[in-house]
Amino acid sequence: MAIAYKKSLATFSDVVSVEEAEALLEWLQKKTTARVDLAACTHLHPANLQVLMVAKPAISAWPNDAGLAAWLATALKN
């Protein structure tokens, strides 16, 4: 799995595909204090981006890839 869930932290790694979106949505709906670590993420499918945009979890770390980080920061920051 490209997303590891621990208590209130979801850690994304490598390529996060469309198959991850439903589980991510369900987890975020249950975790009101959710945080997301995107540091090791290299690709995020748009379905997961949409989930993050709606749920608005706290981002604890942006991707190490500067281009991906800039793109996600633009989409996810209020």
N, C-alpha and C. Protein backbone atom coordinates (compact mmCIF):
# COMPACT_ATOMS: atom_id res chain seq x y z
N MET A 1 0.83 -1.19 0.00
CA MET A 1 0.00 0.00 0.00
C MET A 1 0.88 1.25 0.00
N ALA A 2 0.43 2.23 -0.71
CA ALA A 2 1.17 3.46 -0.82
C ALA A 2 0.84 4.45 0.29
N ILE A 3 -0.15 4.12 1.10
CA ILE A 3 -0.49 4.96 2.25
C ILE A 3 -0.47 4.08 3.50
N ALA A 4 0.32 4.49 4.48
CA ALA A 4 0.37 3.79 5.77
C ALA A 4 -0.39 4.64 6.78
N TYR A 5 -1.31 4.00 7.50
CA TYR A 5 -2.14 4.71 8.47
C TYR A 5 -1.70 4.37 9.89
N LYS A 6 -1.46 5.40 10.69
CA LYS A 6 -1.11 5.24 12.11
C LYS A 6 -1.90 6.26 12.89
N LYS A 7 -2.68 5.82 13.83
CA LYS A 7 -3.50 6.70 14.67
C LYS A 7 -4.07 7.86 13.87
N SER A 8 -3.45 9.03 13.92
CA SER A 8 -3.98 10.19 13.21
C SER A 8 -3.04 10.69 12.11
N LEU A 9 -2.11 9.84 11.65
CA LEU A 9 -1.16 10.23 10.61
C LEU A 9 -1.23 9.25 9.44
N ALA A 10 -1.41 9.78 8.24
CA ALA A 10 -1.35 8.99 7.02
C ALA A 10 -0.07 9.37 6.30
N THR A 11 0.78 8.38 6.05
CA THR A 11 2.06 8.61 5.40
C THR A 11 2.00 8.07 3.97
N PHE A 12 2.15 8.98 3.02
CA PHE A 12 2.11 8.62 1.60
C PHE A 12 3.52 8.28 1.14
N SER A 13 3.65 7.25 0.28
CA SER A 13 4.96 6.93 -0.27
C SER A 13 4.83 6.52 -1.73
N ASP A 14 5.83 6.88 -2.48
CA ASP A 14 5.93 6.54 -3.89
C ASP A 14 4.69 7.00 -4.67
N VAL A 15 4.14 6.11 -5.49
CA VAL A 15 2.99 6.43 -6.34
C VAL A 15 1.71 6.06 -5.60
N VAL A 16 0.86 7.05 -5.36
CA VAL A 16 -0.42 6.83 -4.69
C VAL A 16 -1.49 6.80 -5.78
N SER A 17 -2.00 5.60 -6.04
CA SER A 17 -2.89 5.38 -7.17
C SER A 17 -4.36 5.60 -6.82
N VAL A 18 -5.19 5.52 -7.83
CA VAL A 18 -6.63 5.72 -7.67
C VAL A 18 -7.22 4.70 -6.70
N GLU A 19 -6.65 3.52 -6.62
CA GLU A 19 -7.17 2.48 -5.74
C GLU A 19 -7.11 2.87 -4.26
N GLU A 20 -6.28 3.85 -3.93
CA GLU A 20 -6.12 4.28 -2.54
C GLU A 20 -7.19 5.29 -2.10
N ALA A 21 -7.89 5.91 -3.04
CA ALA A 21 -8.77 7.04 -2.74
C ALA A 21 -9.92 6.69 -1.79
N GLU A 22 -10.57 5.58 -2.00
CA GLU A 22 -11.72 5.23 -1.16
C GLU A 22 -11.31 4.98 0.29
N ALA A 23 -10.23 4.25 0.48
CA ALA A 23 -9.74 3.98 1.84
C ALA A 23 -9.30 5.28 2.51
N LEU A 24 -8.65 6.16 1.74
CA LEU A 24 -8.22 7.45 2.28
C LEU A 24 -9.43 8.27 2.73
N LEU A 25 -10.46 8.32 1.91
CA LEU A 25 -11.66 9.06 2.26
C LEU A 25 -12.29 8.50 3.54
N GLU A 26 -12.43 7.20 3.61
CA GLU A 26 -13.03 6.57 4.80
C GLU A 26 -12.20 6.88 6.04
N TRP A 27 -10.89 6.81 5.94
CA TRP A 27 -10.02 7.07 7.09
C TRP A 27 -10.14 8.52 7.53
N LEU A 28 -10.11 9.44 6.57
CA LEU A 28 -10.20 10.86 6.90
C LEU A 28 -11.56 11.23 7.51
N GLN A 29 -12.60 10.54 7.11
CA GLN A 29 -13.92 10.80 7.69
C GLN A 29 -13.97 10.39 9.17
N LYS A 30 -13.16 9.42 9.56
CA LYS A 30 -13.14 8.93 10.94
C LYS A 30 -12.16 9.71 11.82
N LYS A 31 -11.21 10.41 11.21
CA LYS A 31 -10.14 11.08 11.95
C LYS A 31 -10.28 12.59 11.84
N THR A 32 -10.85 13.20 12.85
CA THR A 32 -11.06 14.65 12.81
C THR A 32 -9.75 15.44 12.99
N THR A 33 -8.75 14.81 13.56
CA THR A 33 -7.46 15.48 13.76
C THR A 33 -6.38 14.89 12.85
N ALA A 34 -6.78 14.43 11.68
CA ALA A 34 -5.86 13.75 10.77
C ALA A 34 -4.76 14.68 10.28
N ARG A 35 -3.58 14.07 10.11
CA ARG A 35 -2.44 14.74 9.52
C ARG A 35 -1.94 13.85 8.38
N VAL A 36 -1.34 14.48 7.39
CA VAL A 36 -0.85 13.76 6.22
C VAL A 36 0.61 14.10 5.98
N ASP A 37 1.43 13.07 5.82
CA ASP A 37 2.85 13.23 5.53
C ASP A 37 3.05 12.83 4.07
N LEU A 38 3.38 13.80 3.24
CA LEU A 38 3.55 13.58 1.80
C LEU A 38 5.01 13.53 1.39
N ALA A 39 5.94 13.55 2.33
CA ALA A 39 7.37 13.67 2.03
C ALA A 39 7.86 12.64 1.01
N ALA A 40 7.48 11.40 1.15
CA ALA A 40 7.98 10.35 0.26
C ALA A 40 7.10 10.11 -0.96
N CYS A 41 6.07 10.89 -1.13
CA CYS A 41 5.16 10.75 -2.26
C CYS A 41 5.82 11.27 -3.53
N THR A 42 5.77 10.47 -4.61
CA THR A 42 6.35 10.90 -5.89
C THR A 42 5.28 11.17 -6.94
N HIS A 43 4.08 10.65 -6.73
CA HIS A 43 2.95 10.88 -7.65
C HIS A 43 1.66 10.68 -6.88
N LEU A 44 0.72 11.59 -7.08
CA LEU A 44 -0.57 11.52 -6.40
C LEU A 44 -1.68 11.53 -7.45
N HIS A 45 -2.46 10.46 -7.50
CA HIS A 45 -3.56 10.40 -8.47
C HIS A 45 -4.56 11.50 -8.12
N PRO A 46 -5.16 12.16 -9.11
CA PRO A 46 -6.12 13.24 -8.86
C PRO A 46 -7.28 12.87 -7.94
N ALA A 47 -7.68 11.61 -7.91
CA ALA A 47 -8.76 11.21 -7.01
C ALA A 47 -8.36 11.42 -5.56
N ASN A 48 -7.11 11.13 -5.25
CA ASN A 48 -6.61 11.34 -3.89
C ASN A 48 -6.47 12.82 -3.58
N LEU A 49 -6.07 13.58 -4.58
CA LEU A 49 -5.99 15.03 -4.41
C LEU A 49 -7.37 15.59 -4.09
N GLN A 50 -8.39 15.12 -4.78
CA GLN A 50 -9.75 15.59 -4.52
C GLN A 50 -10.18 15.26 -3.09
N VAL A 51 -9.84 14.08 -2.62
CA VAL A 51 -10.17 13.69 -1.24
C VAL A 51 -9.49 14.64 -0.27
N LEU A 52 -8.22 14.93 -0.50
CA LEU A 52 -7.48 15.84 0.38
C LEU A 52 -8.06 17.26 0.32
N MET A 53 -8.47 17.69 -0.85
CA MET A 53 -9.02 19.03 -0.99
C MET A 53 -10.33 19.18 -0.21
N VAL A 54 -11.13 18.14 -0.18
CA VAL A 54 -12.41 18.19 0.53
C VAL A 54 -12.21 18.01 2.03
N ALA A 55 -11.38 17.06 2.42
CA ALA A 55 -11.20 16.75 3.84
C ALA A 55 -10.35 17.79 4.57
N LYS A 56 -9.43 18.42 3.87
CA LYS A 56 -8.56 19.45 4.42
C LYS A 56 -7.80 19.02 5.68
N PRO A 57 -7.10 17.88 5.61
CA PRO A 57 -6.30 17.50 6.78
C PRO A 57 -5.07 18.39 6.89
N ALA A 58 -4.46 18.41 8.05
CA ALA A 58 -3.21 19.15 8.23
C ALA A 58 -2.11 18.40 7.48
N ILE A 59 -1.27 19.14 6.78
CA ILE A 59 -0.14 18.54 6.06
C ILE A 59 1.09 18.66 6.96
N SER A 60 1.61 17.53 7.41
CA SER A 60 2.76 17.56 8.32
C SER A 60 4.08 17.65 7.55
N ALA A 61 4.08 17.19 6.30
CA ALA A 61 5.29 17.28 5.47
C ALA A 61 4.88 17.29 4.01
N TRP A 62 5.47 18.20 3.25
CA TRP A 62 5.21 18.30 1.81
C TRP A 62 6.17 17.37 1.08
N PRO A 63 5.86 17.00 -0.18
CA PRO A 63 6.74 16.09 -0.92
C PRO A 63 8.17 16.63 -1.04
N ASN A 64 9.11 15.72 -1.04
CA ASN A 64 10.51 16.08 -1.24
C ASN A 64 10.75 16.62 -2.64
N ASP A 65 9.97 16.16 -3.60
CA ASP A 65 10.05 16.64 -4.98
C ASP A 65 9.49 18.06 -5.03
N ALA A 66 10.33 19.02 -5.38
CA ALA A 66 9.93 20.43 -5.34
C ALA A 66 8.75 20.74 -6.26
N GLY A 67 8.73 20.16 -7.44
CA GLY A 67 7.63 20.41 -8.38
C GLY A 67 6.31 19.89 -7.86
N LEU A 68 6.32 18.68 -7.35
CA LEU A 68 5.10 18.09 -6.79
C LEU A 68 4.67 18.87 -5.55
N ALA A 69 5.61 19.26 -4.73
CA ALA A 69 5.29 20.03 -3.53
C ALA A 69 4.62 21.36 -3.88
N ALA A 70 5.15 22.04 -4.88
CA ALA A 70 4.57 23.32 -5.29
C ALA A 70 3.17 23.15 -5.83
N TRP A 71 2.97 22.12 -6.63
CA TRP A 71 1.67 21.84 -7.23
C TRP A 71 0.64 21.51 -6.14
N LEU A 72 1.03 20.64 -5.21
CA LEU A 72 0.11 20.27 -4.13
C LEU A 72 -0.15 21.42 -3.17
N ALA A 73 0.87 22.18 -2.87
CA ALA A 73 0.69 23.32 -1.96
C ALA A 73 -0.32 24.31 -2.54
N THR A 74 -0.24 24.53 -3.82
CA THR A 74 -1.18 25.44 -4.47
C THR A 74 -2.60 24.91 -4.38
N ALA A 75 -2.77 23.62 -4.58
CA ALA A 75 -4.10 23.01 -4.56
C ALA A 75 -4.65 22.85 -3.15
N LEU A 76 -3.80 22.63 -2.17
CA LEU A 76 -4.28 22.26 -0.83
C LEU A 76 -4.26 23.39 0.20
N LYS A 77 -3.53 24.43 -0.05
CA LYS A 77 -3.51 25.52 0.93
C LYS A 77 -4.75 26.38 0.76
N ASN A 78 -5.30 26.81 1.88
CA ASN A 78 -6.51 27.64 1.85
C ASN A 78 -6.19 29.05 1.46
